[in-house]
Amino acid sequence: MNRGLIVIIGYLLGSVQTAIILGKIKGVDIKKHGSGNAGTTNALRVFGFKTALVVFIFDMLKAVFAILITNILFAGTQLPALIISIYTGLGAILGHNWPIYFKFKGGKGIAVSTATLLMIDYRIGLTAMLVFIVIVFFTRYVSLGSILLTISAPIMLTLLYRGEEFFIEAVILITLIPILAIYQHRGNISRLIKGTESKLGEKK
């Protein structure tokens, strides 16, 4: 029951869509512009750097706040902070991707995933961010960097937590993060294979 409640809390907070809200304030439906995605990359295309930065920061903060809240609420349970954080983060990612407040049409969850990984263990989060920066620097494919960012998470968790209590559950849970990212980027993957994926700084 605790695990389910944790996911629900994460989901409800993750469903707050920064890009859609800012778009409404500006009188623009971001889902009808650019790639149609309610995330940082499309906000950069549609609104520019400053708005995209606000979207990125607030999308990260909703995951941070959700994880802080659940770790406080469920501190007295037998669940360790690691497990609580992963369940909450997964809920927030699901909420961001399929928000209940916006007809279940959201973003791809990379900013939320990044914040989740930083909250789970800063070493996992920083490694994931480094992977993203290196990949995007050399390829200029944000989608590829985003996917590999999430794939690095279960690898790092295995290296850091192998043999510890709840390790198997933690690995299974954190592996869901790249699975969700790959599913949300399935269109990008298809374009990457065909060589038609847009590069960073390139007009769509």
Protein backbone atom coordinates (compact mmCIF):
# COMPACT_ATOMS: atom_id res chain seq x y z
CA MET A 1 0.00 0.00 0.00
CA ASN A 2 2.82 2.41 0.87
CA ARG A 3 4.46 1.82 -2.49
CA GLY A 4 1.20 2.56 -4.29
CA LEU A 5 0.61 5.76 -2.32
CA ILE A 6 4.15 6.91 -3.05
CA VAL A 7 3.64 6.42 -6.79
CA ILE A 8 0.31 8.29 -6.67
CA ILE A 9 1.86 11.28 -4.89
CA GLY A 10 4.65 11.38 -7.44
CA TYR A 11 2.16 11.07 -10.29
CA LEU A 12 -0.08 13.92 -9.11
CA LEU A 13 2.85 16.30 -8.68
CA GLY A 14 4.47 15.14 -11.90
CA SER A 15 1.26 15.86 -13.81
CA VAL A 16 1.81 19.61 -13.40
CA GLN A 17 2.94 20.63 -16.91
CA THR A 18 5.22 23.67 -16.87
CA ALA A 19 5.47 24.01 -20.66
CA ILE A 20 1.70 23.84 -21.15
CA ILE A 21 1.02 26.33 -18.34
CA LEU A 22 3.61 28.82 -19.61
CA GLY A 23 2.27 28.36 -23.11
CA LYS A 24 -1.25 29.21 -21.96
CA ILE A 25 0.09 32.34 -20.26
CA LYS A 26 1.71 33.34 -23.57
CA GLY A 27 -1.43 32.41 -25.49
CA VAL A 28 0.28 29.53 -27.29
CA ASP A 29 -0.64 25.84 -27.23
CA ILE A 30 2.79 24.21 -27.29
CA LYS A 31 1.19 20.89 -28.26
CA LYS A 32 0.30 22.46 -31.61
CA HIS A 33 3.77 23.82 -32.35
CA GLY A 34 7.19 22.36 -33.04
CA SER A 35 7.28 18.68 -32.23
CA GLY A 36 4.09 18.98 -30.19
CA ASN A 37 5.94 17.77 -27.10
CA ALA A 38 5.37 19.57 -23.78
CA GLY A 39 9.00 19.49 -22.70
CA THR A 40 12.20 21.52 -22.57
CA THR A 41 13.48 20.81 -26.08
CA ASN A 42 10.24 21.83 -27.77
CA ALA A 43 9.90 24.83 -25.44
CA LEU A 44 13.34 25.89 -26.72
CA ARG A 45 12.12 25.62 -30.32
CA VAL A 46 8.82 27.40 -29.70
CA PHE A 47 9.58 29.97 -27.00
CA GLY A 48 13.35 30.38 -26.88
CA PHE A 49 16.09 29.79 -24.34
CA LYS A 50 14.73 31.71 -21.33
CA THR A 51 11.34 30.01 -21.30
CA ALA A 52 12.93 26.62 -22.00
CA LEU A 53 15.21 27.12 -19.00
CA VAL A 54 12.21 27.89 -16.78
CA VAL A 55 10.46 24.77 -18.08
CA PHE A 56 13.53 22.64 -17.38
CA ILE A 57 14.02 23.99 -13.86
CA PHE A 58 10.37 23.65 -12.81
CA ASP A 59 10.04 20.20 -14.36
CA MET A 60 13.04 19.15 -12.28
CA LEU A 61 11.74 20.85 -9.15
CA LYS A 62 8.41 18.99 -9.23
CA ALA A 63 10.32 15.71 -9.00
CA VAL A 64 12.57 17.09 -6.26
CA PHE A 65 9.61 18.30 -4.19
CA ALA A 66 7.72 15.05 -4.71
CA ILE A 67 10.68 12.98 -3.51
CA LEU A 68 11.29 15.24 -0.52
CA ILE A 69 7.61 15.02 0.47
CA THR A 70 7.40 11.22 0.22
CA ASN A 71 10.67 10.74 2.10
CA ILE A 72 9.21 12.82 4.93
CA LEU A 73 5.79 11.15 4.89
CA PHE A 74 7.11 7.59 4.68
CA ALA A 75 10.24 7.97 6.80
CA GLY A 76 8.75 5.80 9.53
CA THR A 77 8.12 2.83 7.26
CA GLN A 78 10.52 -0.02 6.55
CA LEU A 79 11.17 1.33 3.05
CA PRO A 80 14.64 2.89 2.64
CA ALA A 81 15.03 6.34 1.10
CA LEU A 82 16.44 4.77 -2.07
CA ILE A 83 13.26 2.80 -2.76
CA ILE A 84 10.95 5.66 -1.76
CA SER A 85 12.81 8.00 -4.11
CA ILE A 86 12.67 5.62 -7.07
CA TYR A 87 8.95 4.92 -6.65
CA THR A 88 8.22 8.64 -6.33
CA GLY A 89 10.37 9.48 -9.33
CA LEU A 90 8.64 6.86 -11.44
CA GLY A 91 5.29 8.31 -10.44
CA ALA A 92 6.47 11.81 -11.36
CA ILE A 93 7.75 10.60 -14.75
CA LEU A 94 4.42 8.88 -15.46
CA GLY A 95 2.60 12.05 -14.45
CA HIS A 96 4.79 14.19 -16.69
CA ASN A 97 4.37 11.87 -19.66
CA TRP A 98 0.64 11.25 -19.16
CA PRO A 99 -0.67 14.11 -16.96
CA ILE A 100 -4.13 13.67 -15.50
CA TYR A 101 -4.68 17.46 -15.58
CA PHE A 102 -3.99 17.80 -19.32
CA LYS A 103 -5.84 14.91 -20.99
CA PHE A 104 -2.89 12.57 -20.46
CA LYS A 105 -0.78 14.35 -23.09
CA GLY A 106 2.55 15.51 -21.70
CA GLY A 107 6.26 15.41 -22.37
CA LYS A 108 8.95 12.76 -22.54
CA GLY A 109 10.08 12.94 -18.93
CA ILE A 110 13.81 13.62 -19.31
CA ALA A 111 14.04 16.63 -16.99
CA VAL A 112 11.97 14.76 -14.40
CA SER A 113 14.12 11.64 -14.89
CA THR A 114 17.30 13.69 -14.40
CA ALA A 115 16.02 15.22 -11.18
CA THR A 116 14.92 11.78 -9.97
CA LEU A 117 18.38 10.32 -10.58
CA LEU A 118 20.02 13.24 -8.73
CA MET A 119 17.71 12.69 -5.76
CA ILE A 120 18.24 8.92 -5.75
CA ASP A 121 22.02 9.35 -5.66
CA TYR A 122 23.88 12.44 -6.86
CA ARG A 123 26.59 10.18 -8.35
CA ILE A 124 24.01 8.47 -10.57
CA GLY A 125 22.49 11.80 -11.53
CA LEU A 126 25.79 13.53 -12.32
CA THR A 127 27.00 10.56 -14.36
CA ALA A 128 23.75 10.59 -16.34
CA MET A 129 24.10 14.33 -16.99
CA LEU A 130 27.70 13.87 -18.11
CA VAL A 131 26.61 11.14 -20.55
CA PHE A 132 23.96 13.50 -21.95
CA ILE A 133 26.42 16.40 -22.36
CA VAL A 134 29.06 14.25 -24.08
CA ILE A 135 26.59 12.62 -26.49
CA VAL A 136 24.87 15.89 -27.42
CA PHE A 137 28.22 17.68 -27.77
CA PHE A 138 29.53 15.16 -30.29
CA THR A 139 26.30 14.26 -32.11
CA ARG A 140 23.95 17.25 -31.47
CA TYR A 141 21.13 14.72 -31.06
CA VAL A 142 19.23 15.66 -27.91
CA SER A 143 17.03 12.57 -28.22
CA LEU A 144 20.03 10.22 -28.31
CA GLY A 145 21.61 11.95 -25.34
CA SER A 146 18.32 11.74 -23.43
CA ILE A 147 17.93 8.01 -24.04
CA LEU A 148 21.53 7.20 -23.08
CA LEU A 149 21.21 9.44 -20.01
CA THR A 150 18.49 7.16 -18.65
CA ILE A 151 20.23 3.93 -19.72
CA SER A 152 23.25 4.88 -17.60
CA ALA A 153 21.07 4.84 -14.45
CA PRO A 154 20.63 1.07 -13.87
CA ILE A 155 24.30 0.55 -14.74
CA MET A 156 25.45 3.06 -12.13
CA LEU A 157 23.00 1.78 -9.52
CA THR A 158 24.32 -1.75 -10.02
CA LEU A 159 27.90 -0.56 -9.53
CA LEU A 160 27.06 1.46 -6.42
CA TYR A 161 24.45 -0.66 -4.61
CA ARG A 162 25.12 -4.25 -5.60
CA GLY A 163 24.56 -6.63 -2.71
CA GLU A 164 22.68 -4.15 -0.53
CA GLU A 165 19.19 -4.64 0.88
CA PHE A 166 16.38 -3.99 -1.64
CA PHE A 167 18.99 -4.07 -4.45
CA ILE A 168 16.97 -6.32 -6.79
CA GLU A 169 13.83 -4.22 -6.36
CA ALA A 170 15.82 -1.03 -6.91
CA VAL A 171 17.39 -2.32 -10.13
CA ILE A 172 14.06 -3.47 -11.52
CA LEU A 173 12.44 -0.13 -10.69
CA ILE A 174 15.21 2.08 -12.04
CA THR A 175 15.31 0.03 -15.26
CA LEU A 176 11.75 1.23 -15.90
CA ILE A 177 13.12 4.76 -16.36
CA PRO A 178 15.03 4.01 -19.60
CA ILE A 179 12.16 1.79 -20.76
CA LEU A 180 9.78 4.75 -20.43
CA ALA A 181 12.29 7.05 -22.12
CA ILE A 182 12.78 4.68 -25.05
CA TYR A 183 9.01 4.32 -25.47
CA GLN A 184 8.48 8.09 -25.43
CA HIS A 185 11.32 8.56 -27.92
CA ARG A 186 10.20 5.80 -30.30
CA GLY A 187 9.53 8.36 -33.02
CA ASN A 188 12.96 9.91 -32.49
CA ILE A 189 14.58 6.47 -32.64
CA SER A 190 12.90 5.81 -35.96
CA ARG A 191 14.19 9.13 -37.32
CA LEU A 192 17.67 8.47 -35.95
CA ILE A 193 17.76 5.18 -37.83
CA LYS A 194 16.56 6.89 -41.02
CA GLY A 195 18.97 9.81 -40.54
CA THR A 196 16.17 12.39 -40.47
CA GLU A 197 16.28 13.34 -36.77
CA SER A 198 16.71 17.08 -36.13
CA LYS A 199 19.96 18.16 -34.54
CA LEU A 200 20.32 20.75 -31.80
CA GLY A 201 20.36 24.22 -33.33
CA GLU A 202 18.96 22.96 -36.61
CA LYS A 203 15.63 24.30 -37.84
CA LYS A 204 12.94 21.62 -37.82
